[in-house]
Amino acid sequence: MAENEPENSHLRWPLTLLAFTVIAAVEVSVVCLWKLINNLSANGDLLRRKKFLTVIIFSLSYIWIISAIGWSFVVWNADDPGLPVVLTVFQCAFTVLILVFVFFRKTIKAN
């Protein structure tokens, strides 16, 4: 990146760190979802389910915030509408996914 775009070379390490944290958040979400599914099939306690759902919601919210910031940069600097429209659709679908987990957590809390 430093050789191809020297004006953006200062972003190399912050973007690498950001990509690492997003990948870690995805891994945390997958592991907690796996444990949640195992807890559902094993008829486990509600407190553990709520804990796993809370961790999933927080990690997905972190990814959502990072993608919303990236979306705003893309929309601000876009010269054609193609990529912003695709990113908007992905952002909306990701928002619906987070809301499904929030709803699931609320239904567990109600029981």
N, C-alpha and C. Protein backbone atom coordinates (compact mmCIF):
# COMPACT_ATOMS: atom_id res chain seq x y z
N MET A 1 0.82 -1.18 0.00
CA MET A 1 0.00 0.00 0.00
C MET A 1 0.86 1.25 0.00
N ALA A 2 1.98 1.20 0.70
CA ALA A 2 2.85 2.37 0.78
C ALA A 2 3.50 2.66 -0.57
N GLU A 3 3.77 1.62 -1.35
CA GLU A 3 4.38 1.83 -2.64
C GLU A 3 3.36 2.25 -3.69
N ASN A 4 2.17 1.66 -3.66
CA ASN A 4 1.16 1.95 -4.66
C ASN A 4 0.48 3.30 -4.43
N GLU A 5 0.19 3.61 -3.20
CA GLU A 5 -0.48 4.86 -2.85
C GLU A 5 0.27 5.53 -1.69
N PRO A 6 1.31 6.29 -1.99
CA PRO A 6 2.10 6.88 -0.90
C PRO A 6 1.33 7.91 -0.08
N GLU A 7 0.29 8.51 -0.64
CA GLU A 7 -0.48 9.49 0.13
C GLU A 7 -1.34 8.84 1.20
N ASN A 8 -1.59 7.53 1.07
CA ASN A 8 -2.38 6.79 2.06
C ASN A 8 -1.53 5.81 2.87
N SER A 9 -0.23 5.95 2.83
CA SER A 9 0.63 5.00 3.53
C SER A 9 0.48 5.07 5.05
N HIS A 10 0.04 6.21 5.56
CA HIS A 10 -0.13 6.33 7.01
C HIS A 10 -1.32 5.50 7.51
N LEU A 11 -2.16 5.02 6.63
CA LEU A 11 -3.32 4.22 7.02
C LEU A 11 -3.05 2.72 7.07
N ARG A 12 -1.85 2.31 6.71
CA ARG A 12 -1.56 0.89 6.60
C ARG A 12 -1.77 0.15 7.92
N TRP A 13 -1.16 0.58 8.98
CA TRP A 13 -1.26 -0.14 10.26
C TRP A 13 -2.60 0.08 10.96
N PRO A 14 -3.18 1.27 10.94
CA PRO A 14 -4.52 1.38 11.55
C PRO A 14 -5.57 0.51 10.85
N LEU A 15 -5.52 0.42 9.52
CA LEU A 15 -6.48 -0.43 8.81
C LEU A 15 -6.21 -1.91 9.06
N THR A 16 -4.95 -2.27 9.22
CA THR A 16 -4.63 -3.66 9.56
C THR A 16 -5.17 -4.01 10.94
N LEU A 17 -5.01 -3.12 11.90
CA LEU A 17 -5.54 -3.34 13.24
C LEU A 17 -7.07 -3.39 13.23
N LEU A 18 -7.68 -2.53 12.45
CA LEU A 18 -9.13 -2.51 12.33
C LEU A 18 -9.64 -3.81 11.71
N ALA A 19 -8.98 -4.28 10.67
CA ALA A 19 -9.37 -5.55 10.05
C ALA A 19 -9.21 -6.70 11.03
N PHE A 20 -8.14 -6.69 11.82
CA PHE A 20 -7.93 -7.74 12.82
C PHE A 20 -9.05 -7.74 13.86
N THR A 21 -9.46 -6.57 14.34
CA THR A 21 -10.51 -6.52 15.36
C THR A 21 -11.87 -6.95 14.79
N VAL A 22 -12.13 -6.61 13.53
CA VAL A 22 -13.39 -7.04 12.91
C VAL A 22 -13.41 -8.56 12.74
N ILE A 23 -12.30 -9.14 12.31
CA ILE A 23 -12.22 -10.60 12.17
C ILE A 23 -12.37 -11.27 13.54
N ALA A 24 -11.77 -10.68 14.57
CA ALA A 24 -11.93 -11.23 15.92
C ALA A 24 -13.38 -11.14 16.38
N ALA A 25 -14.07 -10.06 16.06
CA ALA A 25 -15.48 -9.92 16.43
C ALA A 25 -16.34 -10.96 15.71
N VAL A 26 -16.03 -11.23 14.46
CA VAL A 26 -16.76 -12.27 13.72
C VAL A 26 -16.53 -13.63 14.37
N GLU A 27 -15.29 -13.91 14.74
CA GLU A 27 -14.99 -15.19 15.38
C GLU A 27 -15.70 -15.33 16.72
N VAL A 28 -15.75 -14.26 17.50
CA VAL A 28 -16.46 -14.29 18.78
C VAL A 28 -17.94 -14.55 18.55
N SER A 29 -18.51 -13.91 17.54
CA SER A 29 -19.93 -14.12 17.23
C SER A 29 -20.21 -15.56 16.83
N VAL A 30 -19.35 -16.13 16.01
CA VAL A 30 -19.56 -17.51 15.56
C VAL A 30 -19.45 -18.49 16.73
N VAL A 31 -18.45 -18.30 17.58
CA VAL A 31 -18.27 -19.20 18.72
C VAL A 31 -19.45 -19.08 19.69
N CYS A 32 -19.89 -17.87 19.96
CA CYS A 32 -21.03 -17.70 20.87
C CYS A 32 -22.32 -18.25 20.26
N LEU A 33 -22.49 -18.11 18.95
CA LEU A 33 -23.66 -18.69 18.30
C LEU A 33 -23.62 -20.21 18.38
N TRP A 34 -22.45 -20.78 18.21
CA TRP A 34 -22.28 -22.23 18.33
C TRP A 34 -22.63 -22.70 19.75
N LYS A 35 -22.13 -21.98 20.75
CA LYS A 35 -22.42 -22.35 22.13
C LYS A 35 -23.91 -22.14 22.45
N LEU A 36 -24.50 -21.11 21.86
CA LEU A 36 -25.92 -20.86 22.07
C LEU A 36 -26.76 -21.99 21.47
N ILE A 37 -26.42 -22.44 20.28
CA ILE A 37 -27.15 -23.54 19.66
C ILE A 37 -26.99 -24.82 20.47
N ASN A 38 -25.78 -25.07 20.97
CA ASN A 38 -25.58 -26.24 21.84
C ASN A 38 -26.39 -26.12 23.12
N ASN A 39 -26.49 -24.91 23.66
CA ASN A 39 -27.26 -24.69 24.88
C ASN A 39 -28.75 -24.87 24.63
N LEU A 40 -29.22 -24.51 23.44
CA LEU A 40 -30.64 -24.70 23.12
C LEU A 40 -30.98 -26.18 22.99
N SER A 41 -30.09 -26.93 22.36
CA SER A 41 -30.37 -28.36 22.17
C SER A 41 -30.19 -29.15 23.46
N ALA A 42 -29.37 -28.67 24.36
CA ALA A 42 -29.13 -29.38 25.62
C ALA A 42 -30.11 -28.94 26.71
N ASN A 43 -31.04 -28.02 26.36
CA ASN A 43 -32.02 -27.52 27.30
C ASN A 43 -31.34 -26.88 28.51
N GLY A 44 -30.38 -25.98 28.23
CA GLY A 44 -29.60 -25.33 29.27
C GLY A 44 -30.37 -24.20 29.94
N ASP A 45 -29.68 -23.51 30.82
CA ASP A 45 -30.33 -22.45 31.57
C ASP A 45 -30.44 -21.16 30.76
N LEU A 46 -31.38 -20.33 31.16
CA LEU A 46 -31.66 -19.09 30.42
C LEU A 46 -30.57 -18.04 30.61
N LEU A 47 -29.90 -18.05 31.74
CA LEU A 47 -28.88 -17.05 32.01
C LEU A 47 -27.69 -17.20 31.06
N ARG A 48 -27.30 -18.43 30.78
CA ARG A 48 -26.20 -18.65 29.82
C ARG A 48 -26.60 -18.24 28.42
N ARG A 49 -27.84 -18.53 28.03
CA ARG A 49 -28.32 -18.12 26.71
C ARG A 49 -28.29 -16.60 26.59
N LYS A 50 -28.74 -15.93 27.63
CA LYS A 50 -28.76 -14.47 27.61
C LYS A 50 -27.34 -13.91 27.52
N LYS A 51 -26.40 -14.55 28.22
CA LYS A 51 -25.01 -14.10 28.17
C LYS A 51 -24.44 -14.26 26.76
N PHE A 52 -24.69 -15.41 26.13
CA PHE A 52 -24.19 -15.62 24.78
C PHE A 52 -24.82 -14.63 23.80
N LEU A 53 -26.11 -14.38 23.95
CA LEU A 53 -26.77 -13.42 23.07
C LEU A 53 -26.25 -12.01 23.27
N THR A 54 -25.95 -11.64 24.49
CA THR A 54 -25.41 -10.31 24.75
C THR A 54 -24.04 -10.14 24.09
N VAL A 55 -23.20 -11.15 24.19
CA VAL A 55 -21.88 -11.07 23.55
C VAL A 55 -22.02 -11.01 22.03
N ILE A 56 -22.94 -11.79 21.47
CA ILE A 56 -23.17 -11.75 20.02
C ILE A 56 -23.65 -10.37 19.59
N ILE A 57 -24.58 -9.79 20.35
CA ILE A 57 -25.11 -8.47 20.00
C ILE A 57 -24.01 -7.41 20.07
N PHE A 58 -23.18 -7.46 21.09
CA PHE A 58 -22.10 -6.47 21.20
C PHE A 58 -21.07 -6.62 20.08
N SER A 59 -20.70 -7.84 19.75
CA SER A 59 -19.71 -8.01 18.69
C SER A 59 -20.28 -7.63 17.33
N LEU A 60 -21.54 -7.98 17.06
CA LEU A 60 -22.15 -7.56 15.80
C LEU A 60 -22.36 -6.05 15.75
N SER A 61 -22.64 -5.44 16.89
CA SER A 61 -22.77 -3.98 16.93
C SER A 61 -21.45 -3.29 16.63
N TYR A 62 -20.35 -3.86 17.12
CA TYR A 62 -19.03 -3.30 16.80
C TYR A 62 -18.78 -3.37 15.30
N ILE A 63 -19.09 -4.50 14.70
CA ILE A 63 -18.90 -4.63 13.26
C ILE A 63 -19.82 -3.66 12.52
N TRP A 64 -21.04 -3.47 13.02
CA TRP A 64 -21.98 -2.56 12.38
C TRP A 64 -21.46 -1.13 12.43
N ILE A 65 -20.90 -0.73 13.55
CA ILE A 65 -20.36 0.63 13.67
C ILE A 65 -19.20 0.84 12.71
N ILE A 66 -18.31 -0.14 12.63
CA ILE A 66 -17.18 -0.02 11.71
C ILE A 66 -17.66 0.03 10.27
N SER A 67 -18.64 -0.81 9.92
CA SER A 67 -19.14 -0.78 8.55
C SER A 67 -19.93 0.49 8.26
N ALA A 68 -20.59 1.06 9.25
CA ALA A 68 -21.30 2.33 9.04
C ALA A 68 -20.32 3.47 8.80
N ILE A 69 -19.20 3.46 9.50
CA ILE A 69 -18.18 4.47 9.25
C ILE A 69 -17.59 4.30 7.86
N GLY A 70 -17.31 3.06 7.48
CA GLY A 70 -16.82 2.80 6.11
C GLY A 70 -17.85 3.18 5.06
N TRP A 71 -19.13 2.92 5.34
CA TRP A 71 -20.20 3.30 4.42
C TRP A 71 -20.23 4.81 4.23
N SER A 72 -20.09 5.56 5.32
CA SER A 72 -20.13 7.02 5.20
C SER A 72 -18.95 7.54 4.39
N PHE A 73 -17.76 6.94 4.54
CA PHE A 73 -16.63 7.36 3.71
C PHE A 73 -16.85 7.04 2.24
N VAL A 74 -17.41 5.87 1.96
CA VAL A 74 -17.66 5.49 0.56
C VAL A 74 -18.71 6.39 -0.06
N VAL A 75 -19.79 6.66 0.67
CA VAL A 75 -20.84 7.52 0.13
C VAL A 75 -20.33 8.94 -0.08
N TRP A 76 -19.54 9.42 0.83
CA TRP A 76 -19.01 10.79 0.72
C TRP A 76 -18.09 10.94 -0.49
N ASN A 77 -17.32 9.92 -0.80
CA ASN A 77 -16.34 10.01 -1.88
C ASN A 77 -16.77 9.30 -3.16
N ALA A 78 -18.02 8.86 -3.24
CA ALA A 78 -18.47 8.09 -4.40
C ALA A 78 -18.69 8.99 -5.62
N ASP A 79 -18.33 8.45 -6.79
CA ASP A 79 -18.61 9.18 -8.02
C ASP A 79 -19.68 8.48 -8.85
N ASP A 80 -20.05 7.25 -8.48
CA ASP A 80 -21.18 6.58 -9.11
C ASP A 80 -22.01 5.90 -8.01
N PRO A 81 -23.28 5.62 -8.27
CA PRO A 81 -24.14 5.12 -7.20
C PRO A 81 -24.07 3.61 -6.96
N GLY A 82 -23.29 2.88 -7.72
CA GLY A 82 -23.30 1.42 -7.62
C GLY A 82 -22.86 0.89 -6.27
N LEU A 83 -21.64 1.22 -5.87
CA LEU A 83 -21.10 0.70 -4.61
C LEU A 83 -21.86 1.21 -3.39
N PRO A 84 -22.24 2.50 -3.31
CA PRO A 84 -23.04 2.91 -2.14
C PRO A 84 -24.38 2.19 -2.02
N VAL A 85 -25.02 1.86 -3.15
CA VAL A 85 -26.29 1.14 -3.08
C VAL A 85 -26.06 -0.27 -2.54
N VAL A 86 -25.04 -0.95 -3.03
CA VAL A 86 -24.75 -2.30 -2.55
C VAL A 86 -24.39 -2.28 -1.07
N LEU A 87 -23.57 -1.34 -0.65
CA LEU A 87 -23.21 -1.25 0.76
C LEU A 87 -24.41 -0.90 1.63
N THR A 88 -25.34 -0.10 1.11
CA THR A 88 -26.55 0.23 1.85
C THR A 88 -27.42 -1.01 2.05
N VAL A 89 -27.53 -1.83 1.03
CA VAL A 89 -28.31 -3.07 1.15
C VAL A 89 -27.67 -3.99 2.18
N PHE A 90 -26.34 -4.14 2.14
CA PHE A 90 -25.66 -4.98 3.13
C PHE A 90 -25.81 -4.41 4.54
N GLN A 91 -25.73 -3.10 4.67
CA GLN A 91 -25.87 -2.46 5.98
C GLN A 91 -27.29 -2.69 6.52
N CYS A 92 -28.30 -2.58 5.68
CA CYS A 92 -29.68 -2.82 6.12
C CYS A 92 -29.89 -4.28 6.52
N ALA A 93 -29.34 -5.20 5.75
CA ALA A 93 -29.47 -6.62 6.09
C ALA A 93 -28.76 -6.93 7.40
N PHE A 94 -27.62 -6.32 7.62
CA PHE A 94 -26.87 -6.52 8.87
C PHE A 94 -27.65 -5.93 10.05
N THR A 95 -28.31 -4.81 9.83
CA THR A 95 -29.14 -4.21 10.88
C THR A 95 -30.30 -5.14 11.25
N VAL A 96 -30.92 -5.75 10.26
CA VAL A 96 -32.00 -6.69 10.52
C VAL A 96 -31.48 -7.90 11.31
N LEU A 97 -30.30 -8.38 10.99
CA LEU A 97 -29.71 -9.50 11.72
C LEU A 97 -29.50 -9.14 13.19
N ILE A 98 -28.99 -7.95 13.45
CA ILE A 98 -28.79 -7.52 14.84
C ILE A 98 -30.13 -7.40 15.56
N LEU A 99 -31.13 -6.87 14.87
CA LEU A 99 -32.45 -6.73 15.49
C LEU A 99 -33.08 -8.08 15.79
N VAL A 100 -32.81 -9.09 14.98
CA VAL A 100 -33.31 -10.44 15.26
C VAL A 100 -32.68 -10.97 16.55
N PHE A 101 -31.39 -10.75 16.72
CA PHE A 101 -30.74 -11.20 17.95
C PHE A 101 -31.26 -10.42 19.16
N VAL A 102 -31.51 -9.12 19.00
CA VAL A 102 -32.06 -8.33 20.10
C VAL A 102 -33.46 -8.83 20.46
N PHE A 103 -34.27 -9.13 19.46
CA PHE A 103 -35.60 -9.67 19.71
C PHE A 103 -35.52 -11.02 20.42
N PHE A 104 -34.61 -11.87 19.99
CA PHE A 104 -34.44 -13.17 20.62
C PHE A 104 -34.02 -13.01 22.09
N ARG A 105 -33.16 -12.03 22.35
CA ARG A 105 -32.74 -11.79 23.73
C ARG A 105 -33.91 -11.29 24.57
N LYS A 106 -34.76 -10.44 23.99
CA LYS A 106 -35.92 -9.95 24.73
C LYS A 106 -36.92 -11.08 25.02
N THR A 107 -37.07 -12.01 24.09
CA THR A 107 -37.99 -13.12 24.35
C THR A 107 -37.46 -14.04 25.45
N ILE A 108 -36.15 -14.20 25.51
CA ILE A 108 -35.58 -15.00 26.61
C ILE A 108 -35.76 -14.27 27.93
N LYS A 109 -35.61 -12.94 27.92
CA LYS A 109 -35.78 -12.16 29.14
C LYS A 109 -37.23 -12.21 29.64
N ALA A 110 -38.17 -12.30 28.70
CA ALA A 110 -39.58 -12.33 29.09
C ALA A 110 -39.95 -13.65 29.75
N ASN A 111 -39.26 -14.72 29.38
CA ASN A 111 -39.58 -16.03 29.97
C ASN A 111 -38.99 -16.12 31.31
